Protein backbone atom coordinates (compact mmCIF):
# COMPACT_ATOMS: atom_id res chain seq x y z
CA MET A 1 41.90 -44.38 -27.75
CA ILE A 2 41.06 -40.64 -27.60
CA VAL A 3 39.30 -41.06 -24.27
CA LEU A 4 42.24 -43.05 -22.88
CA THR A 5 44.74 -40.42 -24.04
CA VAL A 6 42.74 -37.60 -22.47
CA ALA A 7 42.38 -39.57 -19.24
CA MET A 8 46.12 -40.24 -19.06
CA ARG A 9 46.93 -36.57 -19.62
CA TYR A 10 44.43 -35.59 -16.92
CA VAL A 11 46.00 -37.99 -14.41
CA THR A 12 49.49 -36.72 -15.26
CA VAL A 13 48.50 -33.09 -14.78
CA SER A 14 46.64 -33.79 -11.55
CA LEU A 15 49.70 -35.49 -10.04
CA LYS A 16 52.15 -32.76 -11.09
CA VAL A 17 53.54 -30.71 -8.23
CA ARG A 18 52.45 -27.07 -8.43
CA TRP A 19 54.48 -25.70 -5.54
CA VAL A 20 56.27 -26.69 -2.34
CA GLU A 21 56.21 -24.70 0.88
CA LEU A 22 58.38 -24.97 3.99
CA ARG A 23 56.47 -24.18 7.18
CA PRO A 24 57.52 -22.15 9.05
CA LEU A 25 60.45 -20.49 7.31
CA GLY A 26 63.73 -20.43 9.21
CA ASN A 27 63.00 -23.54 11.25
CA PRO A 28 60.51 -25.61 9.24
CA SER A 29 58.73 -28.59 10.73
CA GLN A 30 56.59 -29.43 7.70
CA VAL A 31 56.79 -29.55 3.93
CA VAL A 32 53.56 -28.82 2.09
CA ILE A 33 53.34 -30.31 -1.42
CA ALA A 34 50.54 -28.82 -3.50
CA ARG A 35 49.24 -30.60 -6.58
CA PHE A 36 46.37 -29.58 -8.86
CA LEU A 37 43.73 -31.62 -7.10
CA ARG A 38 45.10 -32.01 -3.60
CA SER A 39 47.84 -31.05 -1.19
CA SER A 40 49.80 -33.26 1.14
CA THR A 41 51.95 -32.54 4.17
CA MET A 42 55.27 -34.19 4.88
CA ALA A 43 56.84 -34.13 8.33
CA MET A 44 60.32 -32.64 8.26
CA ALA A 45 61.52 -35.65 10.23
CA ASP A 46 60.70 -37.82 7.17
CA LEU A 47 62.76 -35.71 4.79
CA GLN A 48 66.21 -37.27 4.37
CA ARG A 49 67.79 -35.05 1.72
CA VAL A 50 67.02 -32.54 -1.01
CA VAL A 51 68.67 -32.48 -4.44
CA VAL A 52 68.66 -29.51 -6.82
CA ILE A 53 69.16 -30.79 -10.37
CA GLU A 54 70.08 -28.39 -13.18
CA ARG A 55 69.90 -29.65 -16.76
CA LEU A 56 72.28 -28.12 -19.29
CA SER A 57 72.63 -28.43 -23.03
CA LEU A 58 75.68 -26.92 -24.74
CA GLY A 59 76.25 -24.64 -21.78
CA GLN A 60 72.67 -23.36 -21.71
CA ARG A 61 70.24 -24.00 -18.88
CA GLN A 62 67.29 -26.12 -20.02
CA SER A 63 65.44 -26.76 -16.77
CA ILE A 64 65.77 -27.05 -13.01
CA LYS A 65 64.22 -29.57 -10.66
CA VAL A 66 64.06 -30.04 -6.89
CA VAL A 67 63.82 -33.62 -5.67
CA LEU A 68 62.70 -34.46 -2.13
CA HIS A 69 63.93 -37.80 -0.83
CA THR A 70 62.26 -39.58 2.08
CA GLY A 71 62.61 -43.10 3.31
CA SER A 72 59.62 -44.31 1.32
CA GLU A 73 59.17 -41.99 -1.67
CA THR A 74 60.77 -39.48 -4.00
CA VAL A 75 58.92 -36.29 -4.87
CA GLU A 76 60.06 -34.47 -8.01
CA CYS A 77 59.23 -30.78 -8.25
CA GLU A 78 59.88 -29.36 -11.71
CA PRO A 79 58.51 -25.88 -12.44
CA ALA A 80 56.89 -24.95 -15.73
CA THR A 81 58.87 -22.74 -18.10
CA SER A 82 56.82 -19.69 -17.09
CA ALA A 83 57.01 -20.38 -13.35
CA PRO A 84 58.92 -17.91 -11.12
CA LEU A 85 61.32 -20.67 -10.01
CA SER A 86 62.30 -21.66 -13.55
CA PRO A 87 64.95 -18.94 -14.14
CA VAL A 88 66.35 -19.02 -10.57
CA ASP A 89 70.09 -19.69 -10.39
CA ALA A 90 70.77 -23.26 -9.19
CA GLN A 91 73.51 -22.18 -6.82
CA THR A 92 71.28 -19.49 -5.32
CA LEU A 93 68.44 -21.96 -4.84
CA THR A 94 70.78 -24.53 -3.28
CA GLY A 95 72.13 -21.92 -0.89
CA TRP A 96 68.66 -20.79 0.14
CA LEU A 97 67.47 -24.35 0.77
CA THR A 98 70.64 -25.10 2.72
CA GLU A 99 69.98 -22.08 4.91
CA GLN A 100 66.36 -23.02 5.50
CA LEU A 101 66.99 -26.72 6.15
CA GLY A 102 70.27 -26.38 8.01
CA GLN A 103 68.54 -26.02 11.39
CA VAL A 104 66.73 -29.32 10.89
CA GLN A 105 69.89 -31.02 9.58
CA VAL A 106 68.54 -31.97 6.15
CA PRO A 107 71.40 -32.05 3.60
CA VAL A 108 70.95 -30.22 0.31
CA GLU A 109 72.89 -31.32 -2.78
CA ARG A 110 73.36 -29.73 -6.16
CA GLN A 111 73.72 -31.88 -9.28
CA THR A 112 74.18 -31.09 -12.96
CA GLU A 113 72.85 -33.20 -15.81
CA VAL A 114 74.39 -32.44 -19.21
CA LYS A 115 72.55 -33.48 -22.35
CA ARG A 116 74.75 -35.68 -24.54
CA ASP A 117 72.28 -37.41 -26.84
CA PHE A 118 72.12 -35.24 -29.97
CA LEU A 119 70.40 -36.71 -33.01
CA ARG A 120 72.94 -37.67 -35.67
CA PRO A 121 73.45 -36.21 -38.22
CA ASP A 122 70.75 -33.52 -38.08
CA ALA A 123 71.77 -32.04 -34.72
CA TRP A 124 75.51 -32.56 -35.15
CA TRP A 125 77.75 -29.64 -36.11
CA THR A 126 79.24 -29.08 -39.54
CA ARG A 127 82.95 -28.55 -40.06
CA SER A 128 82.52 -24.82 -40.70
CA HIS A 129 80.36 -24.31 -37.61
CA THR A 130 82.84 -26.23 -35.46
CA ALA A 131 85.75 -24.21 -36.87
CA GLU A 132 83.95 -20.97 -36.06
CA LEU A 133 83.26 -22.11 -32.50
CA TRP A 134 86.86 -23.25 -31.99
CA ARG A 135 88.20 -20.12 -33.73
CA VAL A 136 90.48 -22.14 -35.99
CA PRO A 137 90.75 -22.58 -39.79
CA VAL A 138 88.38 -25.13 -41.27
CA GLY A 139 91.30 -27.26 -42.41
CA GLU A 140 92.42 -27.81 -38.81
CA VAL A 141 89.12 -29.18 -37.51
CA ASP A 142 89.65 -32.84 -38.45
CA GLY A 143 93.05 -33.03 -36.80
CA MET A 144 91.91 -31.27 -33.64
CA ALA A 145 88.79 -33.43 -33.42
CA ALA A 146 90.88 -36.59 -33.59
CA GLN A 147 93.38 -35.25 -31.09
CA ARG A 148 90.78 -34.16 -28.55
CA GLY A 149 88.39 -37.08 -28.86
CA VAL A 150 85.51 -35.48 -30.74
CA GLU A 151 83.46 -38.10 -32.58
CA SER A 152 82.76 -37.36 -36.25
CA TYR A 153 80.28 -38.84 -38.71
CA ARG A 154 80.55 -38.79 -42.48
CA TYR A 155 77.44 -39.15 -44.60
CA THR A 156 75.88 -38.22 -47.93
CA PRO A 157 72.94 -35.79 -47.59
CA ARG A 158 69.69 -36.98 -49.14
CA ALA A 159 69.52 -33.93 -51.38
CA GLY A 160 72.84 -34.83 -52.97
CA ALA A 161 72.48 -38.62 -52.97
CA MET A 162 71.07 -38.64 -56.52
CA SER A 163 72.54 -35.51 -58.08
CA SER A 164 76.02 -35.77 -56.51
CA PRO A 165 76.48 -39.30 -55.17
CA GLY A 166 80.15 -38.70 -54.41
CA THR A 167 79.49 -35.67 -52.21
CA SER A 168 79.70 -36.33 -48.48
CA VAL A 169 79.61 -34.17 -45.37
CA THR A 170 81.40 -34.60 -42.06
CA VAL A 171 79.66 -33.54 -38.87
CA TYR A 172 80.84 -33.56 -35.26
CA ASP A 173 79.32 -34.48 -31.91
CA PRO A 174 78.11 -31.17 -30.37
CA GLY A 175 78.50 -32.31 -26.76
CA ARG A 176 82.21 -33.00 -26.91
CA ALA A 177 82.83 -30.23 -29.46
CA TYR A 178 81.37 -27.71 -27.02
CA ASP A 179 83.60 -29.03 -24.24
CA VAL A 180 86.62 -28.58 -26.51
CA ALA A 181 85.55 -25.00 -27.26
CA GLU A 182 85.53 -24.30 -23.51
CA GLU A 183 88.94 -25.95 -23.14
CA LEU A 184 90.39 -23.85 -25.94
CA ARG A 185 88.90 -20.68 -24.48
CA ALA A 186 90.48 -21.45 -21.09
CA GLU A 187 93.83 -22.30 -22.68
CA ARG A 188 93.88 -19.05 -24.66
CA ALA A 189 92.90 -17.02 -21.60
CA ALA A 190 95.68 -18.67 -19.59
CA GLY A 191 98.17 -17.96 -22.38
CA GLN A 192 97.16 -14.31 -22.55
CA ALA A 193 97.42 -13.97 -18.77
CA ALA A 194 100.89 -15.52 -18.83
CA ASP A 195 102.00 -13.16 -21.60
CA SER A 196 100.70 -10.09 -19.79
CA THR A 197 102.40 -10.97 -16.50
CA ALA A 198 105.73 -11.99 -18.00
CA ALA A 199 108.28 -9.32 -17.08
CA PRO A 200 110.72 -8.22 -19.77
CA GLY A 201 114.24 -9.51 -19.33
CA PRO A 202 116.91 -7.15 -18.04
CA ALA A 203 118.69 -5.19 -20.73
CA GLU A 204 122.25 -6.24 -21.30
CA ASP A 205 124.68 -3.46 -20.29
CA ASP A 206 127.75 -2.78 -22.33
CA ALA A 207 130.83 -4.20 -20.74
CA THR A 208 132.51 -1.13 -19.20
CA ASP A 209 135.55 -1.02 -16.97
CA TYR A 210 135.26 1.84 -14.48
CA ARG A 211 138.56 1.13 -12.76
């Protein structure tokens, strides 16, 4: 079992893409794909499209991946956390690839994958944390969650199951709760902008007869 596990890890590492190079820059005719044990060359004529995929979790970037699509295979290029490409802005990378591949008419797409599967209840948000994020009193969280479609889950923590069997805790789905926080922030910003641009009404003049 140990030998098999080591062998599988070795195969996985050896097949992982280390880097991709467009040759020559500006008007590339080849794509060089370098792996740990070998490199391969793809003709630009075989490349049908390129997709830049950015993974987000609660508004934070988790990873970025470039996928090369040909007629016969799909090559996924995902940098390590410490790689220079890892922190590159997805829009910047998409723009650069579009510029490089525009002359050879290879379309470049940008996609976003948002993580939605948070472990319940451990990774779900408490009422107080949700209230702080939404900037509302704790007592308003339940009503707002129901109104805006935020799933909640009520459970009894293990620590209190024996000592306080009647004590339960309500937690909320972080994915949708985060979306609501962004919606509330936008609504408040729009309200403040409307208030600041609203001109004061004309003062009422005393009725005076100058005849």
